[in-house]
Amino acid sequence: MDKALEYFQENGVICKKVEDDREDYGDFIAVFGYGKLTREQIVEHIKANNLSCMFFEGAIRENEWKKRASGC
């Protein structure tokens, strides 16, 4: 998971590792912004590394709006 996080952060993806010590749940990556990648690229990387992720749509929309407003 740490290598995936490093890859995402190198590409400007706003994310963090969420650790859960309960037996019924596992660790996952929380995504708050796409950075230089598309949603599809993020999902493919998650699948290729057999990880779990959760997209926080409200934060993503806000970050995408700010990115467009600043001309990036």
PDB file of N, CA and C in Angstrom:
ATOM      1  N   MET A   1       0.814  -1.183   0.000  1.00  0.00           N
ATOM      2  CA  MET A   1       0.000   0.000   0.000  1.00  0.00           C
ATOM      3  C   MET A   1       0.868   1.262   0.000  1.00  0.00           C
ATOM      4  N   ASP A   2       1.990   1.214   0.683  1.00  0.00           N
ATOM      5  CA  ASP A   2       2.841   2.395   0.776  1.00  0.00           C
ATOM      6  C   ASP A   2       3.398   2.806  -0.586  1.00  0.00           C
ATOM      7  N   LYS A   3       3.712   1.829  -1.445  1.00  0.00           N
ATOM      8  CA  LYS A   3       4.208   2.155  -2.786  1.00  0.00           C
ATOM      9  C   LYS A   3       3.116   2.816  -3.619  1.00  0.00           C
ATOM     10  N   ALA A   4       1.874   2.355  -3.467  1.00  0.00           N
ATOM     11  CA  ALA A   4       0.759   2.967  -4.189  1.00  0.00           C
ATOM     12  C   ALA A   4       0.563   4.405  -3.710  1.00  0.00           C
ATOM     13  N   LEU A   5       0.628   4.616  -2.405  1.00  0.00           N
ATOM     14  CA  LEU A   5       0.503   5.969  -1.866  1.00  0.00           C
ATOM     15  C   LEU A   5       1.601   6.879  -2.406  1.00  0.00           C
ATOM     16  N   GLU A   6       2.802   6.366  -2.462  1.00  0.00           N
ATOM     17  CA  GLU A   6       3.923   7.143  -2.984  1.00  0.00           C
ATOM     18  C   GLU A   6       3.673   7.520  -4.450  1.00  0.00           C
ATOM     19  N   TYR A   7       3.209   6.561  -5.246  1.00  0.00           N
ATOM     20  CA  TYR A   7       2.898   6.813  -6.652  1.00  0.00           C
ATOM     21  C   TYR A   7       1.827   7.892  -6.782  1.00  0.00           C
ATOM     22  N   PHE A   8       0.768   7.770  -5.998  1.00  0.00           N
ATOM     23  CA  PHE A   8      -0.312   8.753  -6.052  1.00  0.00           C
ATOM     24  C   PHE A   8       0.197  10.138  -5.659  1.00  0.00           C
ATOM     25  N   GLN A   9       0.950  10.217  -4.592  1.00  0.00           N
ATOM     26  CA  GLN A   9       1.440  11.508  -4.125  1.00  0.00           C
ATOM     27  C   GLN A   9       2.404  12.135  -5.120  1.00  0.00           C
ATOM     28  N   GLU A  10       3.200  11.319  -5.805  1.00  0.00           N
ATOM     29  CA  GLU A  10       4.085  11.834  -6.859  1.00  0.00           C
ATOM     30  C   GLU A  10       3.286  12.454  -8.002  1.00  0.00           C
ATOM     31  N   ASN A  11       2.048  11.995  -8.172  1.00  0.00           N
ATOM     32  CA  ASN A  11       1.182  12.485  -9.230  1.00  0.00           C
ATOM     33  C   ASN A  11       0.128  13.472  -8.720  1.00  0.00           C
ATOM     34  N   GLY A  12       0.333  14.007  -7.553  1.00  0.00           N
ATOM     35  CA  GLY A  12      -0.522  15.058  -7.028  1.00  0.00           C
ATOM     36  C   GLY A  12      -1.876  14.619  -6.515  1.00  0.00           C
ATOM     37  N   VAL A  13      -2.097  13.303  -6.398  1.00  0.00           N
ATOM     38  CA  VAL A  13      -3.372  12.803  -5.881  1.00  0.00           C
ATOM     39  C   VAL A  13      -3.436  13.121  -4.387  1.00  0.00           C
ATOM     40  N   ILE A  14      -4.526  13.739  -3.977  1.00  0.00           N
ATOM     41  CA  ILE A  14      -4.720  14.050  -2.563  1.00  0.00           C
ATOM     42  C   ILE A  14      -5.337  12.807  -1.919  1.00  0.00           C
ATOM     43  N   CYS A  15      -4.567  12.129  -1.079  1.00  0.00           N
ATOM     44  CA  CYS A  15      -5.024  10.875  -0.504  1.00  0.00           C
ATOM     45  C   CYS A  15      -4.304  10.593   0.803  1.00  0.00           C
ATOM     46  N   LYS A  16      -4.829   9.611   1.519  1.00  0.00           N
ATOM     47  CA  LYS A  16      -4.147   9.163   2.729  1.00  0.00           C
ATOM     48  C   LYS A  16      -4.531   7.724   3.028  1.00  0.00           C
ATOM     49  N   LYS A  17      -3.671   7.069   3.745  1.00  0.00           N
ATOM     50  CA  LYS A  17      -3.901   5.681   4.169  1.00  0.00           C
ATOM     51  C   LYS A  17      -4.775   5.696   5.408  1.00  0.00           C
ATOM     52  N   VAL A  18      -5.806   4.866   5.391  1.00  0.00           N
ATOM     53  CA  VAL A  18      -6.692   4.731   6.547  1.00  0.00           C
ATOM     54  C   VAL A  18      -6.526   3.317   7.073  1.00  0.00           C
ATOM     55  N   GLU A  19      -6.065   3.216   8.300  1.00  0.00           N
ATOM     56  CA  GLU A  19      -5.842   1.910   8.909  1.00  0.00           C
ATOM     57  C   GLU A  19      -6.999   1.567   9.833  1.00  0.00           C
ATOM     58  N   ASP A  20      -7.446   0.335   9.759  1.00  0.00           N
ATOM     59  CA  ASP A  20      -8.557  -0.126  10.585  1.00  0.00           C
ATOM     60  C   ASP A  20      -8.163  -1.456  11.209  1.00  0.00           C
ATOM     61  N   ASP A  21      -8.154  -1.523  12.511  1.00  0.00           N
ATOM     62  CA  ASP A  21      -7.720  -2.749  13.184  1.00  0.00           C
ATOM     63  C   ASP A  21      -8.865  -3.709  13.506  1.00  0.00           C
ATOM     64  N   ARG A  22     -10.073  -3.389  13.062  1.00  0.00           N
ATOM     65  CA  ARG A  22     -11.198  -4.302  13.273  1.00  0.00           C
ATOM     66  C   ARG A  22     -11.095  -5.474  12.299  1.00  0.00           C
ATOM     67  N   GLU A  23     -11.479  -6.652  12.736  1.00  0.00           N
ATOM     68  CA  GLU A  23     -11.345  -7.861  11.928  1.00  0.00           C
ATOM     69  C   GLU A  23     -12.179  -7.817  10.653  1.00  0.00           C
ATOM     70  N   ASP A  24     -13.353  -7.204  10.711  1.00  0.00           N
ATOM     71  CA  ASP A  24     -14.265  -7.201   9.571  1.00  0.00           C
ATOM     72  C   ASP A  24     -13.889  -6.193   8.495  1.00  0.00           C
ATOM     73  N   TYR A  25     -12.940  -5.341   8.776  1.00  0.00           N
ATOM     74  CA  TYR A  25     -12.573  -4.284   7.836  1.00  0.00           C
ATOM     75  C   TYR A  25     -11.079  -4.325   7.570  1.00  0.00           C
ATOM     76  N   GLY A  26     -10.683  -3.711   6.468  1.00  0.00           N
ATOM     77  CA  GLY A  26      -9.264  -3.656   6.138  1.00  0.00           C
ATOM     78  C   GLY A  26      -8.823  -2.229   5.912  1.00  0.00           C
ATOM     79  N   ASP A  27      -7.538  -2.057   5.768  1.00  0.00           N
ATOM     80  CA  ASP A  27      -6.988  -0.743   5.472  1.00  0.00           C
ATOM     81  C   ASP A  27      -7.392  -0.337   4.052  1.00  0.00           C
ATOM     82  N   PHE A  28      -7.476   0.965   3.811  1.00  0.00           N
ATOM     83  CA  PHE A  28      -7.805   1.442   2.478  1.00  0.00           C
ATOM     84  C   PHE A  28      -7.185   2.812   2.249  1.00  0.00           C
ATOM     85  N   ILE A  29      -7.209   3.248   1.010  1.00  0.00           N
ATOM     86  CA  ILE A  29      -6.706   4.564   0.646  1.00  0.00           C
ATOM     87  C   ILE A  29      -7.901   5.473   0.425  1.00  0.00           C
ATOM     88  N   ALA A  30      -7.921   6.598   1.122  1.00  0.00           N
ATOM     89  CA  ALA A  30      -8.973   7.601   0.963  1.00  0.00           C
ATOM     90  C   ALA A  30      -8.492   8.619  -0.073  1.00  0.00           C
ATOM     91  N   VAL A  31      -9.297   8.839  -1.112  1.00  0.00           N
ATOM     92  CA  VAL A  31      -8.933   9.754  -2.191  1.00  0.00           C
ATOM     93  C   VAL A  31      -9.801  11.005  -2.094  1.00  0.00           C
ATOM     94  N   PHE A  32      -9.136  12.164  -2.018  1.00  0.00           N
ATOM     95  CA  PHE A  32      -9.823  13.443  -1.882  1.00  0.00           C
ATOM     96  C   PHE A  32      -9.651  14.341  -3.098  1.00  0.00           C
ATOM     97  N   GLY A  33      -8.737  13.989  -4.000  1.00  0.00           N
ATOM     98  CA  GLY A  33      -8.499  14.770  -5.211  1.00  0.00           C
ATOM     99  C   GLY A  33      -7.689  13.961  -6.200  1.00  0.00           C
ATOM    100  N   TYR A  34      -7.950  14.135  -7.504  1.00  0.00           N
ATOM    101  CA  TYR A  34      -7.320  13.315  -8.542  1.00  0.00           C
ATOM    102  C   TYR A  34      -5.890  13.714  -8.888  1.00  0.00           C
ATOM    103  N   GLY A  35      -5.519  14.949  -8.661  1.00  0.00           N
ATOM    104  CA  GLY A  35      -4.182  15.387  -9.051  1.00  0.00           C
ATOM    105  C   GLY A  35      -4.012  15.320 -10.552  1.00  0.00           C
ATOM    106  N   LYS A  36      -2.898  14.757 -11.018  1.00  0.00           N
ATOM    107  CA  LYS A  36      -2.602  14.645 -12.450  1.00  0.00           C
ATOM    108  C   LYS A  36      -3.233  13.408 -13.076  1.00  0.00           C
ATOM    109  N   LEU A  37      -3.806  12.535 -12.277  1.00  0.00           N
ATOM    110  CA  LEU A  37      -4.370  11.283 -12.778  1.00  0.00           C
ATOM    111  C   LEU A  37      -5.871  11.409 -12.972  1.00  0.00           C
ATOM    112  N   THR A  38      -6.417  10.497 -13.747  1.00  0.00           N
ATOM    113  CA  THR A  38      -7.870  10.419 -13.878  1.00  0.00           C
ATOM    114  C   THR A  38      -8.393   9.407 -12.857  1.00  0.00           C
ATOM    115  N   ARG A  39      -9.682   9.420 -12.652  1.00  0.00           N
ATOM    116  CA  ARG A  39     -10.302   8.444 -11.758  1.00  0.00           C
ATOM    117  C   ARG A  39     -10.000   7.029 -12.250  1.00  0.00           C
ATOM    118  N   GLU A  40     -10.064   6.832 -13.556  1.00  0.00           N
ATOM    119  CA  GLU A  40      -9.816   5.517 -14.136  1.00  0.00           C
ATOM    120  C   GLU A  40      -8.386   5.050 -13.871  1.00  0.00           C
ATOM    121  N   GLN A  41      -7.418   5.957 -13.980  1.00  0.00           N
ATOM    122  CA  GLN A  41      -6.024   5.592 -13.714  1.00  0.00           C
ATOM    123  C   GLN A  41      -5.833   5.215 -12.245  1.00  0.00           C
ATOM    124  N   ILE A  42      -6.495   5.929 -11.364  1.00  0.00           N
ATOM    125  CA  ILE A  42      -6.406   5.612  -9.935  1.00  0.00           C
ATOM    126  C   ILE A  42      -7.001   4.230  -9.671  1.00  0.00           C
ATOM    127  N   VAL A  43      -8.174   3.973 -10.228  1.00  0.00           N
ATOM    128  CA  VAL A  43      -8.843   2.681 -10.038  1.00  0.00           C
ATOM    129  C   VAL A  43      -7.985   1.546 -10.594  1.00  0.00           C
ATOM    130  N   GLU A  44      -7.403   1.726 -11.766  1.00  0.00           N
ATOM    131  CA  GLU A  44      -6.550   0.684 -12.353  1.00  0.00           C
ATOM    132  C   GLU A  44      -5.352   0.390 -11.459  1.00  0.00           C
ATOM    133  N   HIS A  45      -4.746   1.427 -10.891  1.00  0.00           N
ATOM    134  CA  HIS A  45      -3.590   1.216 -10.008  1.00  0.00           C
ATOM    135  C   HIS A  45      -4.024   0.498  -8.722  1.00  0.00           C
ATOM    136  N   ILE A  46      -5.175   0.852  -8.199  1.00  0.00           N
ATOM    137  CA  ILE A  46      -5.719   0.185  -7.004  1.00  0.00           C
ATOM    138  C   ILE A  46      -5.959  -1.298  -7.310  1.00  0.00           C
ATOM    139  N   LYS A  47      -6.602  -1.576  -8.443  1.00  0.00           N
ATOM    140  CA  LYS A  47      -6.887  -2.964  -8.826  1.00  0.00           C
ATOM    141  C   LYS A  47      -5.609  -3.759  -9.049  1.00  0.00           C
ATOM    142  N   ALA A  48      -4.643  -3.158  -9.737  1.00  0.00           N
ATOM    143  CA  ALA A  48      -3.395  -3.850 -10.054  1.00  0.00           C
ATOM    144  C   ALA A  48      -2.622  -4.232  -8.798  1.00  0.00           C
ATOM    145  N   ASN A  49      -2.820  -3.477  -7.726  1.00  0.00           N
ATOM    146  CA  ASN A  49      -2.112  -3.742  -6.476  1.00  0.00           C
ATOM    147  C   ASN A  49      -2.992  -4.414  -5.430  1.00  0.00           C
ATOM    148  N   ASN A  50      -4.195  -4.852  -5.849  1.00  0.00           N
ATOM    149  CA  ASN A  50      -5.124  -5.569  -4.973  1.00  0.00           C
ATOM    150  C   ASN A  50      -5.396  -4.799  -3.675  1.00  0.00           C
ATOM    151  N   LEU A  51      -5.708  -3.513  -3.832  1.00  0.00           N
ATOM    152  CA  LEU A  51      -5.976  -2.643  -2.688  1.00  0.00           C
ATOM    153  C   LEU A  51      -7.435  -2.212  -2.690  1.00  0.00           C
ATOM    154  N   SER A  52      -7.817  -1.512  -1.645  1.00  0.00           N
ATOM    155  CA  SER A  52      -9.150  -0.924  -1.549  1.00  0.00           C
ATOM    156  C   SER A  52      -9.006   0.586  -1.469  1.00  0.00           C
ATOM    157  N   CYS A  53     -10.028   1.285  -1.984  1.00  0.00           N
ATOM    158  CA  CYS A  53     -10.008   2.738  -1.872  1.00  0.00           C
ATOM    159  C   CYS A  53     -11.428   3.254  -1.701  1.00  0.00           C
ATOM    160  N   MET A  54     -11.521   4.470  -1.249  1.00  0.00           N
ATOM    161  CA  MET A  54     -12.798   5.142  -1.117  1.00  0.00           C
ATOM    162  C   MET A  54     -12.619   6.549  -1.680  1.00  0.00           C
ATOM    163  N   PHE A  55     -13.503   6.921  -2.595  1.00  0.00           N
ATOM    164  CA  PHE A  55     -13.469   8.257  -3.168  1.00  0.00           C
ATOM    165  C   PHE A  55     -14.419   9.159  -2.383  1.00  0.00           C
ATOM    166  N   PHE A  56     -13.905  10.262  -1.903  1.00  0.00           N
ATOM    167  CA  PHE A  56     -14.710  11.240  -1.180  1.00  0.00           C
ATOM    168  C   PHE A  56     -15.141  12.301  -2.186  1.00  0.00           C
ATOM    169  N   GLU A  57     -16.331  12.075  -2.769  1.00  0.00           N
ATOM    170  CA  GLU A  57     -16.800  12.853  -3.913  1.00  0.00           C
ATOM    171  C   GLU A  57     -16.914  14.352  -3.632  1.00  0.00           C
ATOM    172  N   GLY A  58     -17.388  14.725  -2.464  1.00  0.00           N
ATOM    173  CA  GLY A  58     -17.512  16.147  -2.143  1.00  0.00           C
ATOM    174  C   GLY A  58     -16.169  16.852  -2.180  1.00  0.00           C
ATOM    175  N   ALA A  59     -15.176  16.257  -1.585  1.00  0.00           N
ATOM    176  CA  ALA A  59     -13.832  16.841  -1.570  1.00  0.00           C
ATOM    177  C   ALA A  59     -13.238  16.844  -2.973  1.00  0.00           C
ATOM    178  N   ILE A  60     -13.484  15.795  -3.736  1.00  0.00           N
ATOM    179  CA  ILE A  60     -12.952  15.716  -5.097  1.00  0.00           C
ATOM    180  C   ILE A  60     -13.557  16.826  -5.952  1.00  0.00           C
ATOM    181  N   ARG A  61     -14.894  17.001  -5.886  1.00  0.00           N
ATOM    182  CA  ARG A  61     -15.536  18.066  -6.669  1.00  0.00           C
ATOM    183  C   ARG A  61     -14.979  19.430  -6.296  1.00  0.00           C
ATOM    184  N   GLU A  62     -14.801  19.663  -5.012  1.00  0.00           N
ATOM    185  CA  GLU A  62     -14.262  20.943  -4.560  1.00  0.00           C
ATOM    186  C   GLU A  62     -12.837  21.154  -5.079  1.00  0.00           C
ATOM    187  N   ASN A  63     -12.003  20.139  -5.002  1.00  0.00           N
ATOM    188  CA  ASN A  63     -10.627  20.258  -5.488  1.00  0.00           C
ATOM    189  C   ASN A  63     -10.576  20.436  -7.001  1.00  0.00           C
ATOM    190  N   GLU A  64     -11.425  19.731  -7.739  1.00  0.00           N
ATOM    191  CA  GLU A  64     -11.470  19.883  -9.195  1.00  0.00           C
ATOM    192  C   GLU A  64     -11.942  21.284  -9.568  1.00  0.00           C
ATOM    193  N   TRP A  65     -12.932  21.809  -8.843  1.00  0.00           N
ATOM    194  CA  TRP A  65     -13.428  23.163  -9.107  1.00  0.00           C
ATOM    195  C   TRP A  65     -12.322  24.184  -8.860  1.00  0.00           C
ATOM    196  N   LYS A  66     -11.594  24.035  -7.758  1.00  0.00           N
ATOM    197  CA  LYS A  66     -10.485  24.955  -7.452  1.00  0.00           C
ATOM    198  C   LYS A  66      -9.409  24.872  -8.519  1.00  0.00           C
ATOM    199  N   LYS A  67      -9.127  23.658  -8.999  1.00  0.00           N
ATOM    200  CA  LYS A  67      -8.100  23.472 -10.020  1.00  0.00           C
ATOM    201  C   LYS A  67      -8.500  24.201 -11.306  1.00  0.00           C
ATOM    202  N   ARG A  68      -9.760  24.068 -11.710  1.00  0.00           N
ATOM    203  CA  ARG A  68     -10.231  24.733 -12.919  1.00  0.00           C
ATOM    204  C   ARG A  68     -10.259  26.246 -12.744  1.00  0.00           C
ATOM    205  N   ALA A  69     -10.671  26.705 -11.565  1.00  0.00           N
ATOM    206  CA  ALA A  69     -10.756  28.140 -11.298  1.00  0.00           C
ATOM    207  C   ALA A  69      -9.387  28.801 -11.333  1.00  0.00           C
ATOM    208  N   SER A  70      -8.352  28.055 -10.943  1.00  0.00           N
ATOM    209  CA  SER A  70      -7.004  28.622 -10.930  1.00  0.00           C
ATOM    210  C   SER A  70      -6.316  28.486 -12.295  1.00  0.00           C
ATOM    211  N   GLY A  71      -6.982  27.818 -13.245  1.00  0.00           N
ATOM    212  CA  GLY A  71      -6.425  27.673 -14.580  1.00  0.00           C
ATOM    213  C   GLY A  71      -5.455  26.532 -14.748  1.00  0.00           C
ATOM    214  N   CYS A  72      -5.395  25.617 -13.805  1.00  0.00           N
ATOM    215  CA  CYS A  72      -4.484  24.467 -13.901  1.00  0.00           C
ATOM    216  C   CYS A  72      -5.103  23.343 -14.686  1.00  0.00           C
TER     217      CYS A  72
END
